[in-house]
Protein backbone atom coordinates (compact mmCIF):
# COMPACT_ATOMS: atom_id res chain seq x y z
CA VAL A 1 139.29 99.95 87.59
CA VAL A 2 135.93 101.63 88.11
CA PHE A 3 134.23 100.47 91.42
CA HIS A 4 130.34 100.60 91.77
CA TYR A 5 127.97 99.33 93.94
CA SER A 6 125.52 97.06 92.42
CA ALA A 7 124.23 96.33 88.97
CA TYR A 8 122.61 99.65 87.79
CA GLU A 9 125.90 101.11 86.17
CA ASN A 10 126.50 98.52 84.25
CA ASN A 11 122.59 97.95 83.34
CA LYS A 12 122.81 102.01 82.61
CA LEU A 13 125.62 101.55 80.45
CA SER A 14 124.03 99.14 78.38
CA SER A 15 120.41 101.47 78.09
CA LEU A 16 122.99 104.29 77.06
CA GLU A 17 124.30 101.89 74.62
CA ARG A 18 121.08 100.89 73.48
CA LYS A 19 119.83 104.42 72.99
CA TYR A 20 122.76 106.57 71.08
CA GLY A 21 125.14 103.52 69.81
CA ALA A 22 128.55 103.07 70.21
CA THR A 23 131.07 104.76 67.98
CA GLU A 24 133.86 103.35 70.23
CA LYS A 25 133.46 100.20 70.77
CA ALA A 26 136.39 98.98 71.76
CA ALA A 27 136.75 101.45 74.46
CA LEU A 28 133.48 101.03 75.86
CA ASP A 29 134.39 97.39 75.83
CA LEU A 30 137.81 98.27 77.67
CA PHE A 31 135.87 100.67 80.44
CA ARG A 32 133.16 97.58 80.93
CA SER A 33 136.12 94.77 81.27
CA ARG A 34 137.86 97.31 84.13
CA MET A 35 134.90 97.81 85.99
CA ILE A 36 134.27 96.11 89.52
CA ASP A 37 130.92 95.32 91.51
CA LEU A 38 131.34 95.45 94.57
CA PHE A 39 127.75 94.26 96.00
CA PRO A 40 128.34 91.04 94.71
CA LEU A 41 132.48 90.52 96.39
CA VAL A 42 130.55 91.81 99.85
CA LYS A 43 128.02 89.53 99.17
CA GLN A 44 129.64 86.88 98.90
CA ASN A 45 132.51 87.40 101.65
CA VAL A 46 130.97 89.01 104.72
CA VAL A 47 128.42 88.19 106.90
CA VAL A 48 126.95 91.34 108.58
CA PRO A 49 124.18 91.78 110.70
CA ALA A 50 122.64 93.88 108.67
CA ARG A 51 119.24 93.87 106.88
CA GLY A 52 120.75 94.00 103.90
CA TYR A 53 123.94 94.22 101.16
CA GLY A 54 122.99 97.85 100.08
CA LEU A 55 125.60 100.37 100.41
CA LYS A 56 123.74 102.44 103.08
CA GLN A 57 123.81 99.24 105.12
CA ILE A 58 127.47 98.25 104.52
CA ALA A 59 128.81 101.45 104.95
CA PRO A 60 128.93 101.64 108.65
CA PHE A 61 130.28 98.95 109.06
CA ALA A 62 133.25 99.74 106.52
CA GLY A 63 133.30 103.19 108.84
CA LEU A 64 131.45 105.50 107.20
CA LYS A 65 127.40 106.94 107.83
CA HIS A 66 125.86 109.44 105.87
CA SER A 67 125.06 112.67 106.82
CA ALA A 68 121.33 113.20 105.86
CA GLU A 69 119.24 110.72 108.15
CA ASN A 70 117.23 109.51 104.85
CA ALA A 71 119.94 109.16 102.13
CA GLY A 72 118.78 106.52 100.20
CA GLY A 73 118.47 106.98 96.16
CA ALA A 74 114.62 107.13 96.51
CA GLN A 75 115.61 110.21 98.41
CA SER A 76 118.02 111.65 96.10
CA ILE A 77 115.76 111.09 93.49
CA VAL A 78 113.37 113.45 95.18
CA TRP A 79 115.50 116.12 95.72
CA PHE A 80 117.05 116.59 92.31
CA GLN A 81 113.12 116.77 91.15
CA LYS A 82 112.91 119.33 93.90
CA TYR A 83 115.71 121.35 92.80
CA GLN A 84 114.50 120.88 89.33
CA ALA A 85 111.29 122.58 89.87
CA ASP A 86 112.96 125.63 91.70
CA GLN A 87 117.18 125.77 91.41
CA SER A 88 116.86 128.86 93.76
CA GLN A 89 116.54 126.32 96.48
CA ARG A 90 120.67 125.88 97.14
CA ASP A 91 120.11 124.11 100.07
CA VAL A 92 118.52 121.17 98.15
CA LEU A 93 121.37 121.08 95.72
CA GLU A 94 124.17 120.71 97.92
CA THR A 95 122.01 118.29 100.44
CA LEU A 96 121.94 116.57 96.67
CA LEU A 97 125.44 116.70 95.93
CA THR A 98 126.37 115.77 99.46
CA TYR A 99 124.30 112.60 99.36
CA ASN A 100 126.18 112.03 96.09
CA ARG A 101 129.63 112.69 97.37
CA GLU A 102 129.15 110.52 100.45
CA ASP A 103 128.12 108.01 98.34
CA CYS A 104 131.26 107.81 96.22
CA HIS A 105 133.34 107.89 100.01
CA ALA A 106 131.12 104.79 101.10
CA MET A 107 131.64 102.86 98.26
CA LYS A 108 135.85 103.41 98.37
CA TYR A 109 135.56 102.91 102.28
CA VAL A 110 134.28 99.27 101.52
CA GLU A 111 136.80 98.78 98.59
CA GLY A 112 139.64 99.57 101.16
CA TRP A 113 137.47 97.80 104.14
CA LEU A 114 136.78 94.65 102.10
CA ARG A 115 141.04 94.82 101.41
CA ALA A 116 141.68 94.69 104.68
CA LEU A 117 140.14 92.00 105.45
């Protein structure tokens, strides 16, 4: 099973398939069949006092908060571009890696939280 949060991953996979093709179509279809989007499961089954149902809003209810104050998808792009422009900025790279690691942990926390409900 491949858990993800929102349609982004599936959309990106389709975009990459259109761009590069799929030599192993059966394997790609099998991979897709094992993808589980937690976003609709949360949205359809949980009511929380939050501004939205994005991972950053839901994860604190599951028990996890990002360490960076301004963590988010847009900010991660800024960090990535900043690091690309000057790869000597190891602190920026570490912040980005921490953000991505915490996003993965947040999704795992939310998955466990849903199972425990």
